[in-house]
């Protein structure tokens, strides 16, 4: 695209996110040198809260919602199964799982384009955030039961999706 400036695009996306924080009066850590801002949000699941990192890249905004609980070594294969089963029916975003350290997050992305760049709107950011939080709320308690070995992954998913 003629005239496309990567730094200008990054700044426009950052400004859109800052506007979102301002309008909703969200307490947050401002963007750092890596173009990442952070905010914590309460959830209804037993986790109580999640940390959301808003990462700006030249053509997208990525929201990573980290759960405050990691899977231990023995439970990781069952947690991986649970998250894959959960991802199968999701329409927007998906769970990510680090098999090396047990870290669990939910990721949504807003693509802003290259040739036809447009920063994300308030509504797009709000939708991505709400999808993340509501999905963690929906699956969180069953995930915790799998992490603690109280239920099998297939049964946990079945109980959610009935």
C-alpha atoms as a PDB file:
ATOM      1  CA  UNK A   1       0.000   0.000   0.000  1.00  0.00           C
ATOM      2  CA  UNK A   2       1.372   3.368  -0.931  1.00  0.00           C
ATOM      3  CA  UNK A   3       1.842   5.586   2.091  1.00  0.00           C
ATOM      4  CA  UNK A   4       1.366   2.772   4.652  1.00  0.00           C
ATOM      5  CA  UNK A   5       3.518   3.545   7.649  1.00  0.00           C
ATOM      6  CA  UNK A   6       3.957   0.732  10.162  1.00  0.00           C
ATOM      7  CA  UNK A   7       4.636   3.083  13.096  1.00  0.00           C
ATOM      8  CA  UNK A   8       1.577   5.212  12.290  1.00  0.00           C
ATOM      9  CA  UNK A   9      -0.575   2.070  12.181  1.00  0.00           C
ATOM     10  CA  UNK A  10       0.757   0.905  15.545  1.00  0.00           C
ATOM     11  CA  UNK A  11       0.066   4.308  17.082  1.00  0.00           C
ATOM     12  CA  UNK A  12      -3.491   4.374  15.695  1.00  0.00           C
ATOM     13  CA  UNK A  13      -4.238   0.960  17.198  1.00  0.00           C
ATOM     14  CA  UNK A  14      -2.712   1.996  20.527  1.00  0.00           C
ATOM     15  CA  UNK A  15      -4.848   5.154  20.528  1.00  0.00           C
ATOM     16  CA  UNK A  16      -7.976   3.070  19.848  1.00  0.00           C
ATOM     17  CA  UNK A  17      -7.197   0.840  22.834  1.00  0.00           C
ATOM     18  CA  UNK A  18      -6.426   3.830  25.071  1.00  0.00           C
ATOM     19  CA  UNK A  19      -9.758   5.375  24.005  1.00  0.00           C
ATOM     20  CA  UNK A  20     -11.502   2.113  24.949  1.00  0.00           C
ATOM     21  CA  UNK A  21      -9.841   2.142  28.389  1.00  0.00           C
ATOM     22  CA  UNK A  22     -10.810   5.784  28.880  1.00  0.00           C
ATOM     23  CA  UNK A  23     -14.455   5.373  27.851  1.00  0.00           C
ATOM     24  CA  UNK A  24     -14.953   2.307  30.059  1.00  0.00           C
ATOM     25  CA  UNK A  25     -12.818   3.761  32.872  1.00  0.00           C
ATOM     26  CA  UNK A  26     -10.639   0.635  32.936  1.00  0.00           C
ATOM     27  CA  UNK A  27      -7.676   0.744  35.276  1.00  0.00           C
ATOM     28  CA  UNK A  28      -4.693  -0.506  33.296  1.00  0.00           C
ATOM     29  CA  UNK A  29      -0.947  -0.480  32.851  1.00  0.00           C
ATOM     30  CA  UNK A  30      -0.107   1.718  29.855  1.00  0.00           C
ATOM     31  CA  UNK A  31       1.589   0.464  26.721  1.00  0.00           C
ATOM     32  CA  UNK A  32       5.227  -0.455  27.172  1.00  0.00           C
ATOM     33  CA  UNK A  33       8.107  -0.407  24.674  1.00  0.00           C
ATOM     34  CA  UNK A  34       6.834  -3.698  23.218  1.00  0.00           C
ATOM     35  CA  UNK A  35       3.397  -2.199  22.507  1.00  0.00           C
ATOM     36  CA  UNK A  36       1.695  -4.206  25.254  1.00  0.00           C
ATOM     37  CA  UNK A  37      -0.841  -2.844  27.746  1.00  0.00           C
ATOM     38  CA  UNK A  38      -2.308  -4.838  30.645  1.00  0.00           C
ATOM     39  CA  UNK A  39      -5.530  -4.856  32.653  1.00  0.00           C
ATOM     40  CA  UNK A  40      -7.092  -7.267  35.151  1.00  0.00           C
ATOM     41  CA  UNK A  41     -10.767  -8.199  35.053  1.00  0.00           C
ATOM     42  CA  UNK A  42     -12.992 -10.090  37.460  1.00  0.00           C
ATOM     43  CA  UNK A  43     -14.617 -13.302  36.251  1.00  0.00           C
ATOM     44  CA  UNK A  44     -17.444 -15.356  37.704  1.00  0.00           C
ATOM     45  CA  UNK A  45     -15.517 -18.634  37.613  1.00  0.00           C
ATOM     46  CA  UNK A  46     -13.511 -19.744  40.633  1.00  0.00           C
ATOM     47  CA  UNK A  47     -10.422 -18.126  39.129  1.00  0.00           C
ATOM     48  CA  UNK A  48     -11.819 -14.798  40.338  1.00  0.00           C
ATOM     49  CA  UNK A  49      -9.842 -12.729  37.847  1.00  0.00           C
ATOM     50  CA  UNK A  50      -7.877 -12.877  34.622  1.00  0.00           C
ATOM     51  CA  UNK A  51      -5.053 -10.745  33.265  1.00  0.00           C
ATOM     52  CA  UNK A  52      -5.559  -9.434  29.747  1.00  0.00           C
ATOM     53  CA  UNK A  53      -2.636  -8.234  27.664  1.00  0.00           C
ATOM     54  CA  UNK A  54      -3.413  -6.021  24.671  1.00  0.00           C
ATOM     55  CA  UNK A  55      -0.588  -6.435  22.144  1.00  0.00           C
ATOM     56  CA  UNK A  56      -0.417  -4.122  19.155  1.00  0.00           C
ATOM     57  CA  UNK A  57       1.231  -5.171  15.919  1.00  0.00           C
ATOM     58  CA  UNK A  58       1.337  -3.268  12.634  1.00  0.00           C
ATOM     59  CA  UNK A  59      -1.823  -4.916  11.283  1.00  0.00           C
ATOM     60  CA  UNK A  60      -3.623  -6.345  14.327  1.00  0.00           C
ATOM     61  CA  UNK A  61      -4.565  -6.155  17.981  1.00  0.00           C
ATOM     62  CA  UNK A  62      -4.141  -9.373  19.947  1.00  0.00           C
ATOM     63  CA  UNK A  63      -5.856  -9.892  23.300  1.00  0.00           C
ATOM     64  CA  UNK A  64      -4.311 -12.645  25.433  1.00  0.00           C
ATOM     65  CA  UNK A  65      -6.336 -13.514  28.513  1.00  0.00           C
ATOM     66  CA  UNK A  66      -4.183 -15.427  31.003  1.00  0.00           C
ATOM     67  CA  UNK A  67      -5.757 -17.657  33.619  1.00  0.00           C
ATOM     68  CA  UNK A  68      -4.176 -17.410  37.092  1.00  0.00           C
ATOM     69  CA  UNK A  69      -3.741 -21.185  37.377  1.00  0.00           C
ATOM     70  CA  UNK A  70      -1.234 -23.436  35.625  1.00  0.00           C
ATOM     71  CA  UNK A  71      -1.524 -27.134  34.921  1.00  0.00           C
ATOM     72  CA  UNK A  72       0.955 -29.380  36.734  1.00  0.00           C
ATOM     73  CA  UNK A  73       3.130 -31.801  34.768  1.00  0.00           C
ATOM     74  CA  UNK A  74       0.898 -34.842  35.447  1.00  0.00           C
ATOM     75  CA  UNK A  75      -2.299 -33.107  34.323  1.00  0.00           C
ATOM     76  CA  UNK A  76      -1.019 -31.445  31.153  1.00  0.00           C
ATOM     77  CA  UNK A  77      -2.172 -34.081  28.685  1.00  0.00           C
ATOM     78  CA  UNK A  78      -5.709 -34.022  30.151  1.00  0.00           C
ATOM     79  CA  UNK A  79      -5.755 -30.215  30.213  1.00  0.00           C
ATOM     80  CA  UNK A  80      -4.573 -30.196  26.589  1.00  0.00           C
ATOM     81  CA  UNK A  81      -7.402 -32.573  25.672  1.00  0.00           C
ATOM     82  CA  UNK A  82      -9.934 -30.408  27.521  1.00  0.00           C
ATOM     83  CA  UNK A  83      -8.758 -27.237  25.731  1.00  0.00           C
ATOM     84  CA  UNK A  84      -8.803 -28.897  22.298  1.00  0.00           C
ATOM     85  CA  UNK A  85     -12.334 -30.138  22.935  1.00  0.00           C
ATOM     86  CA  UNK A  86     -13.339 -26.642  24.080  1.00  0.00           C
ATOM     87  CA  UNK A  87     -11.750 -25.006  21.011  1.00  0.00           C
ATOM     88  CA  UNK A  88     -13.624 -27.275  18.600  1.00  0.00           C
ATOM     89  CA  UNK A  89     -16.917 -25.397  18.928  1.00  0.00           C
ATOM     90  CA  UNK A  90     -15.622 -21.872  19.459  1.00  0.00           C
ATOM     91  CA  UNK A  91     -16.479 -19.327  16.782  1.00  0.00           C
ATOM     92  CA  UNK A  92     -14.166 -16.486  17.888  1.00  0.00           C
ATOM     93  CA  UNK A  93     -10.743 -16.938  19.457  1.00  0.00           C
ATOM     94  CA  UNK A  94      -9.347 -20.011  21.087  1.00  0.00           C
ATOM     95  CA  UNK A  95      -7.487 -21.389  24.068  1.00  0.00           C
ATOM     96  CA  UNK A  96      -3.694 -21.628  23.963  1.00  0.00           C
ATOM     97  CA  UNK A  97      -1.728 -23.998  26.160  1.00  0.00           C
ATOM     98  CA  UNK A  98       1.987 -24.141  26.855  1.00  0.00           C
ATOM     99  CA  UNK A  99       2.804 -27.808  27.440  1.00  0.00           C
ATOM    100  CA  UNK A 100       6.248 -26.820  28.769  1.00  0.00           C
ATOM    101  CA  UNK A 101       5.096 -24.783  31.771  1.00  0.00           C
ATOM    102  CA  UNK A 102       1.321 -25.393  31.987  1.00  0.00           C
ATOM    103  CA  UNK A 103       0.333 -21.788  31.181  1.00  0.00           C
ATOM    104  CA  UNK A 104      -3.220 -21.354  29.857  1.00  0.00           C
ATOM    105  CA  UNK A 105      -4.591 -18.374  27.948  1.00  0.00           C
ATOM    106  CA  UNK A 106      -7.410 -17.401  25.635  1.00  0.00           C
ATOM    107  CA  UNK A 107      -6.564 -15.442  22.476  1.00  0.00           C
ATOM    108  CA  UNK A 108      -8.650 -13.206  20.267  1.00  0.00           C
ATOM    109  CA  UNK A 109      -7.339 -11.128  17.389  1.00  0.00           C
ATOM    110  CA  UNK A 110      -8.698  -8.088  15.597  1.00  0.00           C
ATOM    111  CA  UNK A 111      -7.183  -7.798  12.137  1.00  0.00           C
ATOM    112  CA  UNK A 112      -6.848  -4.192  11.010  1.00  0.00           C
ATOM    113  CA  UNK A 113      -5.611  -4.826   7.479  1.00  0.00           C
ATOM    114  CA  UNK A 114      -2.626  -3.871   5.409  1.00  0.00           C
ATOM    115  CA  UNK A 115      -3.960  -2.539   2.129  1.00  0.00           C
ATOM    116  CA  UNK A 116      -7.142  -1.179   3.703  1.00  0.00           C
ATOM    117  CA  UNK A 117      -5.885  -0.414   7.235  1.00  0.00           C
ATOM    118  CA  UNK A 118      -8.501   0.663   9.790  1.00  0.00           C
ATOM    119  CA  UNK A 119      -7.803   0.781  13.531  1.00  0.00           C
ATOM    120  CA  UNK A 120     -10.211  -1.266  15.627  1.00  0.00           C
ATOM    121  CA  UNK A 121     -13.404   0.392  16.752  1.00  0.00           C
ATOM    122  CA  UNK A 122     -14.578   0.640  20.344  1.00  0.00           C
ATOM    123  CA  UNK A 123     -17.197  -2.024  19.542  1.00  0.00           C
ATOM    124  CA  UNK A 124     -14.617  -4.436  18.094  1.00  0.00           C
ATOM    125  CA  UNK A 125     -12.347  -4.122  21.131  1.00  0.00           C
ATOM    126  CA  UNK A 126     -15.297  -4.493  23.509  1.00  0.00           C
ATOM    127  CA  UNK A 127     -16.535  -7.572  21.627  1.00  0.00           C
ATOM    128  CA  UNK A 128     -13.088  -9.239  21.655  1.00  0.00           C
ATOM    129  CA  UNK A 129     -12.705  -8.566  25.378  1.00  0.00           C
ATOM    130  CA  UNK A 130     -16.209  -9.781  26.240  1.00  0.00           C
ATOM    131  CA  UNK A 131     -15.756 -12.966  24.202  1.00  0.00           C
ATOM    132  CA  UNK A 132     -12.534 -13.661  26.099  1.00  0.00           C
ATOM    133  CA  UNK A 133     -13.994 -13.063  29.545  1.00  0.00           C
ATOM    134  CA  UNK A 134     -17.262 -14.889  28.881  1.00  0.00           C
ATOM    135  CA  UNK A 135     -15.436 -17.887  27.416  1.00  0.00           C
ATOM    136  CA  UNK A 136     -13.171 -18.129  30.465  1.00  0.00           C
ATOM    137  CA  UNK A 137     -16.305 -17.857  32.645  1.00  0.00           C
ATOM    138  CA  UNK A 138     -18.013 -20.614  30.674  1.00  0.00           C
ATOM    139  CA  UNK A 139     -15.118 -23.095  30.739  1.00  0.00           C
ATOM    140  CA  UNK A 140     -13.154 -21.980  33.815  1.00  0.00           C
ATOM    141  CA  UNK A 141     -14.693 -24.040  36.599  1.00  0.00           C
ATOM    142  CA  UNK A 142     -14.686 -27.234  34.533  1.00  0.00           C
ATOM    143  CA  UNK A 143     -11.069 -26.564  33.552  1.00  0.00           C
ATOM    144  CA  UNK A 144     -10.121 -26.200  37.223  1.00  0.00           C
ATOM    145  CA  UNK A 145     -11.737 -29.575  37.947  1.00  0.00           C
ATOM    146  CA  UNK A 146      -9.652 -31.150  35.175  1.00  0.00           C
ATOM    147  CA  UNK A 147      -6.481 -29.484  36.481  1.00  0.00           C
ATOM    148  CA  UNK A 148      -7.125 -30.928  39.954  1.00  0.00           C
ATOM    149  CA  UNK A 149      -8.003 -34.383  38.590  1.00  0.00           C
ATOM    150  CA  UNK A 150     -11.635 -34.270  39.718  1.00  0.00           C
ATOM    151  CA  UNK A 151     -13.167 -34.979  36.320  1.00  0.00           C
ATOM    152  CA  UNK A 152     -12.144 -36.329  32.926  1.00  0.00           C
ATOM    153  CA  UNK A 153     -11.861 -33.820  30.055  1.00  0.00           C
ATOM    154  CA  UNK A 154     -14.640 -35.332  27.950  1.00  0.00           C
ATOM    155  CA  UNK A 155     -17.053 -35.340  30.896  1.00  0.00           C
ATOM    156  CA  UNK A 156     -16.128 -31.756  31.783  1.00  0.00           C
ATOM    157  CA  UNK A 157     -16.872 -30.524  28.260  1.00  0.00           C
ATOM    158  CA  UNK A 158     -20.093 -32.533  28.134  1.00  0.00           C
ATOM    159  CA  UNK A 159     -21.312 -30.903  31.362  1.00  0.00           C
ATOM    160  CA  UNK A 160     -20.666 -27.419  29.910  1.00  0.00           C
ATOM    161  CA  UNK A 161     -22.202 -27.968  26.505  1.00  0.00           C
ATOM    162  CA  UNK A 162     -25.384 -29.798  27.587  1.00  0.00           C
END
